[in-house]
């Protein structure tokens, strides 16, 4: 799957949506250049899963 985000806010929202969908036990591989937004996406995923800090 390939998704293109146009902003940091869009990436966070996408991550939150993914975080609400995953049940646990899934393996997600993120590939991208430095500064591509992988960490921002993971922060959104964590927020969507209800993880507030870590």
PDB file of N, CA and C in Angstrom:
ATOM      1  N   UNK A   1       0.845  -1.166   0.000  1.00  0.00           N
ATOM      2  CA  UNK A   1       0.000   0.000   0.000  1.00  0.00           C
ATOM      3  C   UNK A   1       0.890   1.228   0.000  1.00  0.00           C
ATOM      4  N   UNK A   2       0.486   2.220  -0.739  1.00  0.00           N
ATOM      5  CA  UNK A   2       1.235   3.474  -0.768  1.00  0.00           C
ATOM      6  C   UNK A   2       0.254   4.626  -0.583  1.00  0.00           C
ATOM      7  N   UNK A   3       0.530   5.457   0.411  1.00  0.00           N
ATOM      8  CA  UNK A   3      -0.320   6.611   0.693  1.00  0.00           C
ATOM      9  C   UNK A   3       0.569   7.844   0.725  1.00  0.00           C
ATOM     10  N   UNK A   4       0.146   8.890   0.063  1.00  0.00           N
ATOM     11  CA  UNK A   4       0.916  10.133   0.040  1.00  0.00           C
ATOM     12  C   UNK A   4       0.183  11.179   0.877  1.00  0.00           C
ATOM     13  N   UNK A   5       0.881  11.710   1.865  1.00  0.00           N
ATOM     14  CA  UNK A   5       0.338  12.754   2.734  1.00  0.00           C
ATOM     15  C   UNK A   5       0.947  14.084   2.312  1.00  0.00           C
ATOM     16  N   UNK A   6       0.151  15.125   2.371  1.00  0.00           N
ATOM     17  CA  UNK A   6       0.614  16.449   1.934  1.00  0.00           C
ATOM     18  C   UNK A   6       1.053  17.356   3.082  1.00  0.00           C
ATOM     19  N   UNK A   7       0.807  16.926   4.335  1.00  0.00           N
ATOM     20  CA  UNK A   7       1.186  17.778   5.469  1.00  0.00           C
ATOM     21  C   UNK A   7       1.391  16.925   6.718  1.00  0.00           C
ATOM     22  N   UNK A   8       2.053  17.509   7.708  1.00  0.00           N
ATOM     23  CA  UNK A   8       2.271  16.816   8.979  1.00  0.00           C
ATOM     24  C   UNK A   8       0.934  16.513   9.654  1.00  0.00           C
ATOM     25  N   UNK A   9       0.012  17.468   9.606  1.00  0.00           N
ATOM     26  CA  UNK A   9      -1.305  17.276  10.219  1.00  0.00           C
ATOM     27  C   UNK A   9      -2.051  16.116   9.549  1.00  0.00           C
ATOM     28  N   UNK A  10      -1.970  16.047   8.233  1.00  0.00           N
ATOM     29  CA  UNK A  10      -2.615  14.959   7.495  1.00  0.00           C
ATOM     30  C   UNK A  10      -1.997  13.611   7.880  1.00  0.00           C
ATOM     31  N   UNK A  11      -0.681  13.591   8.055  1.00  0.00           N
ATOM     32  CA  UNK A  11       0.013  12.365   8.445  1.00  0.00           C
ATOM     33  C   UNK A  11      -0.418  11.920   9.837  1.00  0.00           C
ATOM     34  N   UNK A  12      -0.533  12.856  10.776  1.00  0.00           N
ATOM     35  CA  UNK A  12      -0.998  12.525  12.127  1.00  0.00           C
ATOM     36  C   UNK A  12      -2.413  11.949  12.094  1.00  0.00           C
ATOM     37  N   UNK A  13      -3.298  12.574  11.326  1.00  0.00           N
ATOM     38  CA  UNK A  13      -4.681  12.099  11.231  1.00  0.00           C
ATOM     39  C   UNK A  13      -4.747  10.712  10.604  1.00  0.00           C
ATOM     40  N   UNK A  14      -3.931  10.469   9.599  1.00  0.00           N
ATOM     41  CA  UNK A  14      -3.870   9.143   8.988  1.00  0.00           C
ATOM     42  C   UNK A  14      -3.404   8.122  10.015  1.00  0.00           C
ATOM     43  N   UNK A  15      -2.366   8.471  10.775  1.00  0.00           N
ATOM     44  CA  UNK A  15      -1.870   7.584  11.822  1.00  0.00           C
ATOM     45  C   UNK A  15      -2.935   7.273  12.861  1.00  0.00           C
ATOM     46  N   UNK A  16      -3.682   8.283  13.266  1.00  0.00           N
ATOM     47  CA  UNK A  16      -4.758   8.066  14.246  1.00  0.00           C
ATOM     48  C   UNK A  16      -5.799   7.093  13.702  1.00  0.00           C
ATOM     49  N   UNK A  17      -6.147   7.247  12.437  1.00  0.00           N
ATOM     50  CA  UNK A  17      -7.128   6.342  11.824  1.00  0.00           C
ATOM     51  C   UNK A  17      -6.601   4.912  11.793  1.00  0.00           C
ATOM     52  N   UNK A  18      -5.337   4.751  11.457  1.00  0.00           N
ATOM     53  CA  UNK A  18      -4.727   3.416  11.451  1.00  0.00           C
ATOM     54  C   UNK A  18      -4.723   2.853  12.865  1.00  0.00           C
ATOM     55  N   UNK A  19      -4.364   3.682  13.840  1.00  0.00           N
ATOM     56  CA  UNK A  19      -4.316   3.250  15.236  1.00  0.00           C
ATOM     57  C   UNK A  19      -5.651   2.762  15.758  1.00  0.00           C
ATOM     58  N   UNK A  20      -6.733   3.360  15.290  1.00  0.00           N
ATOM     59  CA  UNK A  20      -8.069   2.924  15.714  1.00  0.00           C
ATOM     60  C   UNK A  20      -8.459   1.591  15.074  1.00  0.00           C
ATOM     61  N   UNK A  21      -7.846   1.258  13.948  1.00  0.00           N
ATOM     62  CA  UNK A  21      -8.195   0.030  13.226  1.00  0.00           C
ATOM     63  C   UNK A  21      -7.434  -1.207  13.694  1.00  0.00           C
ATOM     64  N   UNK A  22      -6.190  -1.018  14.140  1.00  0.00           N
ATOM     65  CA  UNK A  22      -5.398  -2.197  14.489  1.00  0.00           C
ATOM     66  C   UNK A  22      -5.836  -2.767  15.834  1.00  0.00           C
ATOM     67  N   UNK A  23      -5.794  -4.078  15.910  1.00  0.00           N
ATOM     68  CA  UNK A  23      -6.296  -4.790  17.089  1.00  0.00           C
ATOM     69  C   UNK A  23      -5.173  -5.246  18.023  1.00  0.00           C
ATOM     70  N   UNK A  24      -3.975  -5.353  17.507  1.00  0.00           N
ATOM     71  CA  UNK A  24      -2.846  -5.860  18.284  1.00  0.00           C
ATOM     72  C   UNK A  24      -2.308  -7.116  17.627  1.00  0.00           C
ATOM     73  N   UNK A  25      -1.014  -7.232  17.587  1.00  0.00           N
ATOM     74  CA  UNK A  25      -0.383  -8.386  16.973  1.00  0.00           C
ATOM     75  C   UNK A  25      -0.028  -8.185  15.505  1.00  0.00           C
ATOM     76  N   UNK A  26      -0.478  -7.079  14.917  1.00  0.00           N
ATOM     77  CA  UNK A  26      -0.144  -6.798  13.530  1.00  0.00           C
ATOM     78  C   UNK A  26       1.311  -6.358  13.416  1.00  0.00           C
ATOM     79  N   UNK A  27       1.895  -6.595  12.267  1.00  0.00           N
ATOM     80  CA  UNK A  27       3.239  -6.112  11.974  1.00  0.00           C
ATOM     81  C   UNK A  27       3.101  -5.064  10.880  1.00  0.00           C
ATOM     82  N   UNK A  28       3.604  -3.880  11.153  1.00  0.00           N
ATOM     83  CA  UNK A  28       3.542  -2.789  10.187  1.00  0.00           C
ATOM     84  C   UNK A  28       4.968  -2.352   9.901  1.00  0.00           C
ATOM     85  N   UNK A  29       5.331  -2.325   8.642  1.00  0.00           N
ATOM     86  CA  UNK A  29       6.676  -1.917   8.235  1.00  0.00           C
ATOM     87  C   UNK A  29       6.584  -0.551   7.565  1.00  0.00           C
ATOM     88  N   UNK A  30       7.327   0.397   8.062  1.00  0.00           N
ATOM     89  CA  UNK A  30       7.356   1.733   7.473  1.00  0.00           C
ATOM     90  C   UNK A  30       8.698   1.935   6.795  1.00  0.00           C
ATOM     91  N   UNK A  31       8.663   2.345   5.550  1.00  0.00           N
ATOM     92  CA  UNK A  31       9.877   2.564   4.774  1.00  0.00           C
ATOM     93  C   UNK A  31       9.820   3.973   4.204  1.00  0.00           C
ATOM     94  N   UNK A  32      10.895   4.708   4.374  1.00  0.00           N
ATOM     95  CA  UNK A  32      10.927   6.054   3.812  1.00  0.00           C
ATOM     96  C   UNK A  32      12.242   6.735   4.113  1.00  0.00           C
ATOM     97  N   UNK A  33      12.529   7.741   3.334  1.00  0.00           N
ATOM     98  CA  UNK A  33      13.747   8.517   3.524  1.00  0.00           C
ATOM     99  C   UNK A  33      13.697   9.290   4.838  1.00  0.00           C
ATOM    100  N   UNK A  34      14.840   9.787   5.253  1.00  0.00           N
ATOM    101  CA  UNK A  34      14.940  10.651   6.417  1.00  0.00           C
ATOM    102  C   UNK A  34      14.025  11.854   6.206  1.00  0.00           C
ATOM    103  N   UNK A  35      13.174  12.120   7.182  1.00  0.00           N
ATOM    104  CA  UNK A  35      12.262  13.252   7.074  1.00  0.00           C
ATOM    105  C   UNK A  35      10.985  12.967   6.306  1.00  0.00           C
ATOM    106  N   UNK A  36      10.744  11.700   6.004  1.00  0.00           N
ATOM    107  CA  UNK A  36       9.556  11.334   5.221  1.00  0.00           C
ATOM    108  C   UNK A  36       8.270  11.373   6.039  1.00  0.00           C
ATOM    109  N   UNK A  37       8.385  11.327   7.376  1.00  0.00           N
ATOM    110  CA  UNK A  37       7.198  11.387   8.223  1.00  0.00           C
ATOM    111  C   UNK A  37       6.876  10.100   8.960  1.00  0.00           C
ATOM    112  N   UNK A  38       7.820   9.174   8.988  1.00  0.00           N
ATOM    113  CA  UNK A  38       7.584   7.886   9.667  1.00  0.00           C
ATOM    114  C   UNK A  38       7.292   8.083  11.151  1.00  0.00           C
ATOM    115  N   UNK A  39       8.072   8.900  11.820  1.00  0.00           N
ATOM    116  CA  UNK A  39       7.875   9.134  13.254  1.00  0.00           C
ATOM    117  C   UNK A  39       6.550   9.842  13.503  1.00  0.00           C
ATOM    118  N   UNK A  40       6.210  10.794  12.675  1.00  0.00           N
ATOM    119  CA  UNK A  40       4.932  11.495  12.808  1.00  0.00           C
ATOM    120  C   UNK A  40       3.776  10.519  12.645  1.00  0.00           C
ATOM    121  N   UNK A  41       3.881   9.619  11.683  1.00  0.00           N
ATOM    122  CA  UNK A  41       2.838   8.616  11.477  1.00  0.00           C
ATOM    123  C   UNK A  41       2.707   7.719  12.701  1.00  0.00           C
ATOM    124  N   UNK A  42       3.822   7.287  13.257  1.00  0.00           N
ATOM    125  CA  UNK A  42       3.795   6.415  14.438  1.00  0.00           C
ATOM    126  C   UNK A  42       3.198   7.149  15.637  1.00  0.00           C
ATOM    127  N   UNK A  43       3.492   8.425  15.787  1.00  0.00           N
ATOM    128  CA  UNK A  43       2.876   9.208  16.869  1.00  0.00           C
ATOM    129  C   UNK A  43       1.359   9.227  16.708  1.00  0.00           C
ATOM    130  N   UNK A  44       0.885   9.374  15.478  1.00  0.00           N
ATOM    131  CA  UNK A  44      -0.547   9.338  15.222  1.00  0.00           C
ATOM    132  C   UNK A  44      -1.144   7.974  15.508  1.00  0.00           C
ATOM    133  N   UNK A  45      -0.440   6.921  15.120  1.00  0.00           N
ATOM    134  CA  UNK A  45      -0.908   5.554  15.393  1.00  0.00           C
ATOM    135  C   UNK A  45      -1.042   5.343  16.897  1.00  0.00           C
ATOM    136  N   UNK A  46      -0.024   5.758  17.642  1.00  0.00           N
ATOM    137  CA  UNK A  46      -0.063   5.607  19.102  1.00  0.00           C
ATOM    138  C   UNK A  46      -1.252   6.363  19.690  1.00  0.00           C
ATOM    139  N   UNK A  47      -1.491   7.570  19.217  1.00  0.00           N
ATOM    140  CA  UNK A  47      -2.626   8.357  19.713  1.00  0.00           C
ATOM    141  C   UNK A  47      -3.940   7.649  19.395  1.00  0.00           C
ATOM    142  N   UNK A  48      -4.056   7.112  18.195  1.00  0.00           N
ATOM    143  CA  UNK A  48      -5.258   6.387  17.803  1.00  0.00           C
ATOM    144  C   UNK A  48      -5.495   5.133  18.620  1.00  0.00           C
ATOM    145  N   UNK A  49      -4.410   4.555  19.144  1.00  0.00           N
ATOM    146  CA  UNK A  49      -4.509   3.358  19.984  1.00  0.00           C
ATOM    147  C   UNK A  49      -4.743   3.715  21.449  1.00  0.00           C
ATOM    148  N   UNK A  50      -4.739   5.020  21.760  1.00  0.00           N
ATOM    149  CA  UNK A  50      -4.953   5.442  23.138  1.00  0.00           C
ATOM    150  C   UNK A  50      -3.687   5.503  23.963  1.00  0.00           C
ATOM    151  N   UNK A  51      -2.530   5.426  23.318  1.00  0.00           N
ATOM    152  CA  UNK A  51      -1.248   5.536  24.018  1.00  0.00           C
ATOM    153  C   UNK A  51      -0.907   7.024  24.085  1.00  0.00           C
ATOM    154  N   UNK A  52      -0.875   7.571  25.276  1.00  0.00           N
ATOM    155  CA  UNK A  52      -0.703   9.011  25.421  1.00  0.00           C
ATOM    156  C   UNK A  52       0.745   9.440  25.583  1.00  0.00           C
ATOM    157  N   UNK A  53       1.589   8.568  26.130  1.00  0.00           N
ATOM    158  CA  UNK A  53       3.012   8.888  26.256  1.00  0.00           C
ATOM    159  C   UNK A  53       3.800   7.599  26.339  1.00  0.00           C
ATOM    160  N   UNK A  54       5.065   7.690  26.056  1.00  0.00           N
ATOM    161  CA  UNK A  54       5.843   6.463  26.108  1.00  0.00           C
ATOM    162  C   UNK A  54       7.203   6.725  25.783  1.00  0.00           C
TER     163      UNK A  54
END
